[in-house]
C-alpha atoms as a PDB file:
ATOM      1  CA  UNK A   1       0.006  -0.079   0.052  1.00  0.00           C
ATOM      2  CA  UNK A   2       1.577   3.319  -1.052  1.00  0.00           C
ATOM      3  CA  UNK A   3       1.931   5.965   1.469  1.00  0.00           C
ATOM      4  CA  UNK A   4      -0.644   8.944   1.183  1.00  0.00           C
ATOM      5  CA  UNK A   5       0.338  12.403  -0.321  1.00  0.00           C
ATOM      6  CA  UNK A   6      -0.600  14.791   2.283  1.00  0.00           C
ATOM      7  CA  UNK A   7      -0.313  18.804   2.190  1.00  0.00           C
ATOM      8  CA  UNK A   8       1.260  20.035   5.488  1.00  0.00           C
ATOM      9  CA  UNK A   9      -0.020  23.652   5.790  1.00  0.00           C
ATOM     10  CA  UNK A  10       2.492  25.115   8.309  1.00  0.00           C
ATOM     11  CA  UNK A  11       1.302  27.995  10.180  1.00  0.00           C
ATOM     12  CA  UNK A  12       3.955  28.052  12.868  1.00  0.00           C
ATOM     13  CA  UNK A  13       6.359  31.105  13.325  1.00  0.00           C
ATOM     14  CA  UNK A  14       9.045  28.701  14.115  1.00  0.00           C
ATOM     15  CA  UNK A  15       8.221  26.331  10.876  1.00  0.00           C
ATOM     16  CA  UNK A  16      11.482  23.984  11.209  1.00  0.00           C
ATOM     17  CA  UNK A  17      10.630  22.704  14.556  1.00  0.00           C
ATOM     18  CA  UNK A  18       6.887  22.224  13.735  1.00  0.00           C
ATOM     19  CA  UNK A  19       7.898  20.356  10.296  1.00  0.00           C
ATOM     20  CA  UNK A  20      10.225  18.105  12.435  1.00  0.00           C
ATOM     21  CA  UNK A  21       7.708  17.031  14.616  1.00  0.00           C
ATOM     22  CA  UNK A  22       4.952  16.237  12.068  1.00  0.00           C
ATOM     23  CA  UNK A  23       7.316  14.601   9.542  1.00  0.00           C
ATOM     24  CA  UNK A  24       8.505  12.063  12.509  1.00  0.00           C
ATOM     25  CA  UNK A  25       4.621  11.178  13.476  1.00  0.00           C
ATOM     26  CA  UNK A  26       2.979  11.161  10.055  1.00  0.00           C
ATOM     27  CA  UNK A  27       3.534   8.099   7.917  1.00  0.00           C
ATOM     28  CA  UNK A  28       2.855   9.988   4.625  1.00  0.00           C
ATOM     29  CA  UNK A  29       4.529  11.941   1.918  1.00  0.00           C
ATOM     30  CA  UNK A  30       4.342  15.320   3.052  1.00  0.00           C
ATOM     31  CA  UNK A  31       4.381  18.389   0.976  1.00  0.00           C
ATOM     32  CA  UNK A  32       5.143  21.382   3.063  1.00  0.00           C
ATOM     33  CA  UNK A  33       3.740  24.908   2.473  1.00  0.00           C
ATOM     34  CA  UNK A  34       4.347  27.931   4.707  1.00  0.00           C
ATOM     35  CA  UNK A  35       0.893  29.213   5.402  1.00  0.00           C
ATOM     36  CA  UNK A  36       1.978  32.042   7.603  1.00  0.00           C
ATOM     37  CA  UNK A  37       4.079  33.344   4.715  1.00  0.00           C
ATOM     38  CA  UNK A  38       0.973  33.154   2.376  1.00  0.00           C
ATOM     39  CA  UNK A  39       2.178  29.856   0.619  1.00  0.00           C
ATOM     40  CA  UNK A  40      -0.781  27.524  -0.163  1.00  0.00           C
ATOM     41  CA  UNK A  41      -1.171  24.679  -2.597  1.00  0.00           C
ATOM     42  CA  UNK A  42      -2.495  25.676  -6.199  1.00  0.00           C
ATOM     43  CA  UNK A  43      -5.143  22.926  -5.854  1.00  0.00           C
ATOM     44  CA  UNK A  44      -6.773  20.260  -3.487  1.00  0.00           C
ATOM     45  CA  UNK A  45      -5.335  17.229  -5.321  1.00  0.00           C
ATOM     46  CA  UNK A  46      -4.145  15.525  -2.114  1.00  0.00           C
ATOM     47  CA  UNK A  47      -5.112  12.561  -0.233  1.00  0.00           C
ATOM     48  CA  UNK A  48      -5.198  14.646   2.849  1.00  0.00           C
ATOM     49  CA  UNK A  49      -4.479  17.929   4.452  1.00  0.00           C
ATOM     50  CA  UNK A  50      -2.833  18.670   7.881  1.00  0.00           C
ATOM     51  CA  UNK A  51      -2.816  22.261   9.410  1.00  0.00           C
ATOM     52  CA  UNK A  52      -0.669  22.854  12.238  1.00  0.00           C
ATOM     53  CA  UNK A  53      -0.573  25.109  15.170  1.00  0.00           C
ATOM     54  CA  UNK A  54       0.413  28.889  15.366  1.00  0.00           C
ATOM     55  CA  UNK A  55       0.913  31.827  17.668  1.00  0.00           C
ATOM     56  CA  UNK A  56      -1.696  33.641  15.589  1.00  0.00           C
ATOM     57  CA  UNK A  57      -5.531  33.596  16.098  1.00  0.00           C
ATOM     58  CA  UNK A  58      -8.052  32.684  13.278  1.00  0.00           C
ATOM     59  CA  UNK A  59      -9.865  35.990  13.862  1.00  0.00           C
ATOM     60  CA  UNK A  60      -6.964  38.274  13.446  1.00  0.00           C
ATOM     61  CA  UNK A  61      -6.843  40.367  10.213  1.00  0.00           C
ATOM     62  CA  UNK A  62      -3.596  38.981   8.832  1.00  0.00           C
ATOM     63  CA  UNK A  63      -4.022  38.411   4.891  1.00  0.00           C
ATOM     64  CA  UNK A  64      -2.907  35.030   4.990  1.00  0.00           C
ATOM     65  CA  UNK A  65      -5.386  33.590   7.593  1.00  0.00           C
ATOM     66  CA  UNK A  66      -8.766  34.098   5.572  1.00  0.00           C
ATOM     67  CA  UNK A  67      -6.936  32.523   2.475  1.00  0.00           C
ATOM     68  CA  UNK A  68      -5.973  29.609   4.585  1.00  0.00           C
ATOM     69  CA  UNK A  69      -9.423  29.217   6.114  1.00  0.00           C
ATOM     70  CA  UNK A  70     -10.864  29.315   2.529  1.00  0.00           C
ATOM     71  CA  UNK A  71      -8.390  26.658   1.191  1.00  0.00           C
ATOM     72  CA  UNK A  72      -9.348  24.332   4.093  1.00  0.00           C
ATOM     73  CA  UNK A  73     -13.034  24.679   3.376  1.00  0.00           C
ATOM     74  CA  UNK A  74     -12.294  24.198  -0.385  1.00  0.00           C
ATOM     75  CA  UNK A  75     -10.345  20.873   0.579  1.00  0.00           C
ATOM     76  CA  UNK A  76     -13.055  19.564   2.724  1.00  0.00           C
ATOM     77  CA  UNK A  77     -15.820  20.400   0.439  1.00  0.00           C
ATOM     78  CA  UNK A  78     -13.742  18.400  -2.401  1.00  0.00           C
ATOM     79  CA  UNK A  79     -13.941  15.438   0.079  1.00  0.00           C
ATOM     80  CA  UNK A  80     -10.374  15.824   1.104  1.00  0.00           C
ATOM     81  CA  UNK A  81      -9.901  14.740   4.651  1.00  0.00           C
ATOM     82  CA  UNK A  82      -8.408  17.545   6.962  1.00  0.00           C
ATOM     83  CA  UNK A  83      -6.714  17.119  10.234  1.00  0.00           C
ATOM     84  CA  UNK A  84      -6.445  20.435  12.280  1.00  0.00           C
ATOM     85  CA  UNK A  85      -4.057  20.518  15.201  1.00  0.00           C
ATOM     86  CA  UNK A  86      -4.508  23.504  17.738  1.00  0.00           C
ATOM     87  CA  UNK A  87      -4.805  26.614  15.545  1.00  0.00           C
ATOM     88  CA  UNK A  88      -5.533  24.196  12.613  1.00  0.00           C
ATOM     89  CA  UNK A  89      -8.267  22.677  14.774  1.00  0.00           C
ATOM     90  CA  UNK A  90      -9.759  26.344  15.053  1.00  0.00           C
ATOM     91  CA  UNK A  91      -9.442  26.945  11.352  1.00  0.00           C
ATOM     92  CA  UNK A  92     -11.180  23.819  10.409  1.00  0.00           C
ATOM     93  CA  UNK A  93     -13.894  24.914  12.817  1.00  0.00           C
ATOM     94  CA  UNK A  94     -14.170  28.516  11.331  1.00  0.00           C
ATOM     95  CA  UNK A  95     -13.803  27.050   7.867  1.00  0.00           C
ATOM     96  CA  UNK A  96     -17.105  25.016   8.348  1.00  0.00           C
ATOM     97  CA  UNK A  97     -19.149  27.530  10.128  1.00  0.00           C
ATOM     98  CA  UNK A  98     -18.163  27.084  13.756  1.00  0.00           C
ATOM     99  CA  UNK A  99     -17.012  29.801  16.200  1.00  0.00           C
ATOM    100  CA  UNK A 100     -13.622  30.467  17.884  1.00  0.00           C
ATOM    101  CA  UNK A 101     -13.055  32.945  20.617  1.00  0.00           C
ATOM    102  CA  UNK A 102     -10.675  34.184  22.979  1.00  0.00           C
ATOM    103  CA  UNK A 103     -10.790  32.104  26.389  1.00  0.00           C
ATOM    104  CA  UNK A 104      -9.551  34.874  28.380  1.00  0.00           C
ATOM    105  CA  UNK A 105      -7.062  32.465  30.117  1.00  0.00           C
ATOM    106  CA  UNK A 106      -4.423  30.196  28.970  1.00  0.00           C
ATOM    107  CA  UNK A 107      -4.088  26.214  29.040  1.00  0.00           C
ATOM    108  CA  UNK A 108      -0.818  24.995  29.045  1.00  0.00           C
ATOM    109  CA  UNK A 109       1.020  21.847  29.969  1.00  0.00           C
ATOM    110  CA  UNK A 110       0.265  18.239  30.306  1.00  0.00           C
ATOM    111  CA  UNK A 111      -3.482  17.963  31.013  1.00  0.00           C
ATOM    112  CA  UNK A 112      -6.051  15.301  30.933  1.00  0.00           C
ATOM    113  CA  UNK A 113      -8.758  15.074  28.037  1.00  0.00           C
ATOM    114  CA  UNK A 114     -11.977  12.919  28.088  1.00  0.00           C
ATOM    115  CA  UNK A 115     -13.123  11.196  24.960  1.00  0.00           C
ATOM    116  CA  UNK A 116     -16.869  11.604  24.519  1.00  0.00           C
ATOM    117  CA  UNK A 117     -17.558   9.109  22.008  1.00  0.00           C
ATOM    118  CA  UNK A 118     -15.944   6.260  19.842  1.00  0.00           C
ATOM    119  CA  UNK A 119     -14.433   7.549  16.615  1.00  0.00           C
ATOM    120  CA  UNK A 120     -12.040   5.830  14.089  1.00  0.00           C
ATOM    121  CA  UNK A 121      -9.427   8.824  14.875  1.00  0.00           C
ATOM    122  CA  UNK A 122      -9.168   7.434  18.475  1.00  0.00           C
ATOM    123  CA  UNK A 123      -9.065   3.800  17.772  1.00  0.00           C
ATOM    124  CA  UNK A 124      -6.893   2.304  20.454  1.00  0.00           C
ATOM    125  CA  UNK A 125      -6.636   5.522  22.412  1.00  0.00           C
ATOM    126  CA  UNK A 126      -7.684   5.572  25.923  1.00  0.00           C
ATOM    127  CA  UNK A 127     -10.983   7.401  26.951  1.00  0.00           C
ATOM    128  CA  UNK A 128      -8.892   9.417  29.339  1.00  0.00           C
ATOM    129  CA  UNK A 129      -6.019  10.837  27.554  1.00  0.00           C
ATOM    130  CA  UNK A 130      -2.848  12.643  28.725  1.00  0.00           C
ATOM    131  CA  UNK A 131      -1.829  15.401  26.204  1.00  0.00           C
ATOM    132  CA  UNK A 132       0.300  18.576  25.876  1.00  0.00           C
ATOM    133  CA  UNK A 133      -2.055  21.710  25.503  1.00  0.00           C
ATOM    134  CA  UNK A 134      -1.218  25.258  24.758  1.00  0.00           C
ATOM    135  CA  UNK A 135      -3.827  27.687  23.631  1.00  0.00           C
ATOM    136  CA  UNK A 136      -5.785  30.846  24.637  1.00  0.00           C
ATOM    137  CA  UNK A 137      -8.513  30.478  21.958  1.00  0.00           C
ATOM    138  CA  UNK A 138     -11.258  27.641  21.907  1.00  0.00           C
ATOM    139  CA  UNK A 139     -13.824  26.370  19.364  1.00  0.00           C
ATOM    140  CA  UNK A 140     -16.946  27.673  21.370  1.00  0.00           C
ATOM    141  CA  UNK A 141     -19.522  26.670  18.780  1.00  0.00           C
ATOM    142  CA  UNK A 142     -19.033  23.483  16.576  1.00  0.00           C
ATOM    143  CA  UNK A 143     -19.802  23.623  12.960  1.00  0.00           C
ATOM    144  CA  UNK A 144     -23.181  22.492  12.028  1.00  0.00           C
ATOM    145  CA  UNK A 145     -23.492  18.624  11.907  1.00  0.00           C
ATOM    146  CA  UNK A 146     -20.108  18.250  13.708  1.00  0.00           C
ATOM    147  CA  UNK A 147     -19.790  15.721  16.740  1.00  0.00           C
ATOM    148  CA  UNK A 148     -17.808  16.571  19.710  1.00  0.00           C
ATOM    149  CA  UNK A 149     -15.127  13.803  20.290  1.00  0.00           C
ATOM    150  CA  UNK A 150     -13.132  14.962  23.286  1.00  0.00           C
ATOM    151  CA  UNK A 151     -13.153  17.749  25.828  1.00  0.00           C
ATOM    152  CA  UNK A 152     -11.981  18.953  29.339  1.00  0.00           C
ATOM    153  CA  UNK A 153     -12.763  21.674  31.551  1.00  0.00           C
ATOM    154  CA  UNK A 154     -11.370  24.209  29.040  1.00  0.00           C
ATOM    155  CA  UNK A 155     -13.907  23.150  26.455  1.00  0.00           C
ATOM    156  CA  UNK A 156     -13.677  21.427  22.962  1.00  0.00           C
ATOM    157  CA  UNK A 157     -10.544  19.310  22.271  1.00  0.00           C
ATOM    158  CA  UNK A 158     -11.601  17.331  19.427  1.00  0.00           C
ATOM    159  CA  UNK A 159     -14.405  16.971  16.817  1.00  0.00           C
ATOM    160  CA  UNK A 160     -15.330  15.398  13.611  1.00  0.00           C
ATOM    161  CA  UNK A 161     -17.136  17.131  10.600  1.00  0.00           C
ATOM    162  CA  UNK A 162     -17.764  14.310   8.253  1.00  0.00           C
ATOM    163  CA  UNK A 163     -14.445  13.231   6.801  1.00  0.00           C
ATOM    164  CA  UNK A 164     -12.399  15.881   8.629  1.00  0.00           C
ATOM    165  CA  UNK A 165     -11.248  16.067  12.235  1.00  0.00           C
ATOM    166  CA  UNK A 166      -9.737  18.729  14.622  1.00  0.00           C
ATOM    167  CA  UNK A 167      -7.995  18.341  17.842  1.00  0.00           C
ATOM    168  CA  UNK A 168      -7.021  21.098  20.072  1.00  0.00           C
ATOM    169  CA  UNK A 169      -4.104  19.528  21.951  1.00  0.00           C
ATOM    170  CA  UNK A 170      -0.511  18.919  20.475  1.00  0.00           C
ATOM    171  CA  UNK A 171       0.069  15.110  19.973  1.00  0.00           C
ATOM    172  CA  UNK A 172       3.107  15.715  17.692  1.00  0.00           C
ATOM    173  CA  UNK A 173       4.984  17.477  20.540  1.00  0.00           C
ATOM    174  CA  UNK A 174       7.995  15.882  22.186  1.00  0.00           C
ATOM    175  CA  UNK A 175       9.390  17.090  25.552  1.00  0.00           C
ATOM    176  CA  UNK A 176      12.036  19.285  23.940  1.00  0.00           C
ATOM    177  CA  UNK A 177       9.221  21.219  21.990  1.00  0.00           C
ATOM    178  CA  UNK A 178       7.146  21.272  25.256  1.00  0.00           C
ATOM    179  CA  UNK A 179      10.026  22.860  27.233  1.00  0.00           C
ATOM    180  CA  UNK A 180      11.069  25.308  24.569  1.00  0.00           C
ATOM    181  CA  UNK A 181       7.629  26.548  24.146  1.00  0.00           C
ATOM    182  CA  UNK A 182       6.785  26.814  27.803  1.00  0.00           C
ATOM    183  CA  UNK A 183      10.005  28.876  28.343  1.00  0.00           C
ATOM    184  CA  UNK A 184       9.113  31.371  25.510  1.00  0.00           C
ATOM    185  CA  UNK A 185       5.456  32.010  26.872  1.00  0.00           C
ATOM    186  CA  UNK A 186       4.678  34.963  29.043  1.00  0.00           C
ATOM    187  CA  UNK A 187       3.885  33.161  32.150  1.00  0.00           C
ATOM    188  CA  UNK A 188       4.479  33.900  35.763  1.00  0.00           C
ATOM    189  CA  UNK A 189       7.490  32.413  37.408  1.00  0.00           C
ATOM    190  CA  UNK A 190       5.381  30.322  39.593  1.00  0.00           C
ATOM    191  CA  UNK A 191       3.226  29.071  36.534  1.00  0.00           C
ATOM    192  CA  UNK A 192       6.323  28.588  34.286  1.00  0.00           C
ATOM    193  CA  UNK A 193       8.063  26.413  37.078  1.00  0.00           C
ATOM    194  CA  UNK A 194       4.678  24.374  37.573  1.00  0.00           C
ATOM    195  CA  UNK A 195       4.331  23.421  33.839  1.00  0.00           C
ATOM    196  CA  UNK A 196       7.965  22.674  33.522  1.00  0.00           C
ATOM    197  CA  UNK A 197       7.831  20.503  36.365  1.00  0.00           C
ATOM    198  CA  UNK A 198       5.139  18.430  34.557  1.00  0.00           C
ATOM    199  CA  UNK A 199       7.331  17.799  31.441  1.00  0.00           C
ATOM    200  CA  UNK A 200       8.545  14.614  32.471  1.00  0.00           C
ATOM    201  CA  UNK A 201       9.451  11.362  30.733  1.00  0.00           C
ATOM    202  CA  UNK A 202       6.592   9.798  32.471  1.00  0.00           C
ATOM    203  CA  UNK A 203       3.882  12.223  31.102  1.00  0.00           C
ATOM    204  CA  UNK A 204       5.468  12.084  27.699  1.00  0.00           C
ATOM    205  CA  UNK A 205       5.031   8.343  27.554  1.00  0.00           C
ATOM    206  CA  UNK A 206       1.672   8.605  28.732  1.00  0.00           C
ATOM    207  CA  UNK A 207       0.805  11.137  26.091  1.00  0.00           C
ATOM    208  CA  UNK A 208       2.331   9.000  23.137  1.00  0.00           C
ATOM    209  CA  UNK A 209      -0.917   6.965  23.583  1.00  0.00           C
ATOM    210  CA  UNK A 210      -2.719   9.909  21.790  1.00  0.00           C
ATOM    211  CA  UNK A 211      -0.143   9.847  19.010  1.00  0.00           C
ATOM    212  CA  UNK A 212      -2.102   6.798  17.553  1.00  0.00           C
ATOM    213  CA  UNK A 213      -4.413   9.229  16.151  1.00  0.00           C
ATOM    214  CA  UNK A 214      -1.787  10.075  13.563  1.00  0.00           C
ATOM    215  CA  UNK A 215      -1.635   6.437  12.557  1.00  0.00           C
ATOM    216  CA  UNK A 216      -5.392   6.157  12.374  1.00  0.00           C
ATOM    217  CA  UNK A 217      -5.617   9.257  10.121  1.00  0.00           C
ATOM    218  CA  UNK A 218      -2.937   8.347   7.809  1.00  0.00           C
ATOM    219  CA  UNK A 219      -4.254   4.767   7.700  1.00  0.00           C
ATOM    220  CA  UNK A 220      -7.604   5.888   6.510  1.00  0.00           C
ATOM    221  CA  UNK A 221      -5.927   8.044   4.015  1.00  0.00           C
ATOM    222  CA  UNK A 222      -4.024   5.041   2.754  1.00  0.00           C
ATOM    223  CA  UNK A 223      -7.002   2.856   2.548  1.00  0.00           C
ATOM    224  CA  UNK A 224      -9.049   5.466   0.495  1.00  0.00           C
ATOM    225  CA  UNK A 225      -5.837   5.868  -1.798  1.00  0.00           C
ATOM    226  CA  UNK A 226      -5.749   2.096  -2.536  1.00  0.00           C
ATOM    227  CA  UNK A 227      -9.435   1.996  -3.168  1.00  0.00           C
ATOM    228  CA  UNK A 228      -9.116   4.639  -5.783  1.00  0.00           C
END
């Protein structure tokens, strides 16, 4: 079975680290586009699309953001499965008619997220997941017809809209990325120390269970490619 061809829409402001993490986790032939620089594919002729995290907010006025939202909507409407991660999860929600808002607070660190229903994305993933989170925006209204897949006390952490899915947390992170990001955030000394204390090999090992969603997503793409 050949590997699926996937557009990686890299919206990060440190794109090299982000690309490294997704290339490690995704069993696919990735074609990277620097979305935050205005780079987008000329068409939607991919087996799948992955949209990364970003320091930006989907409701900002930056020219590249509405263009990215439009591309994601076009890809989804063409039947191409989209996986959105963090900012990408919010982009997917916005593209399909949901609502994203500033939470007025910040969720960061290894946290627990509860699955709300069975879904192919979370096959062999525990109902209670340890995941690394870092966000101050949240999906406050799901797109019409979308199904909630996971949540915690900060709100929506995963949803499905037909063939596309979004996750608010960062399954692609390793502890190096988590520590670097935490040190670069504007946190109080006490909160930074608390988050850093939780970035342990044990928590990373627990969070690796959620990485199975990458296997499940790309396996679905490969099966669809083989069936064509």
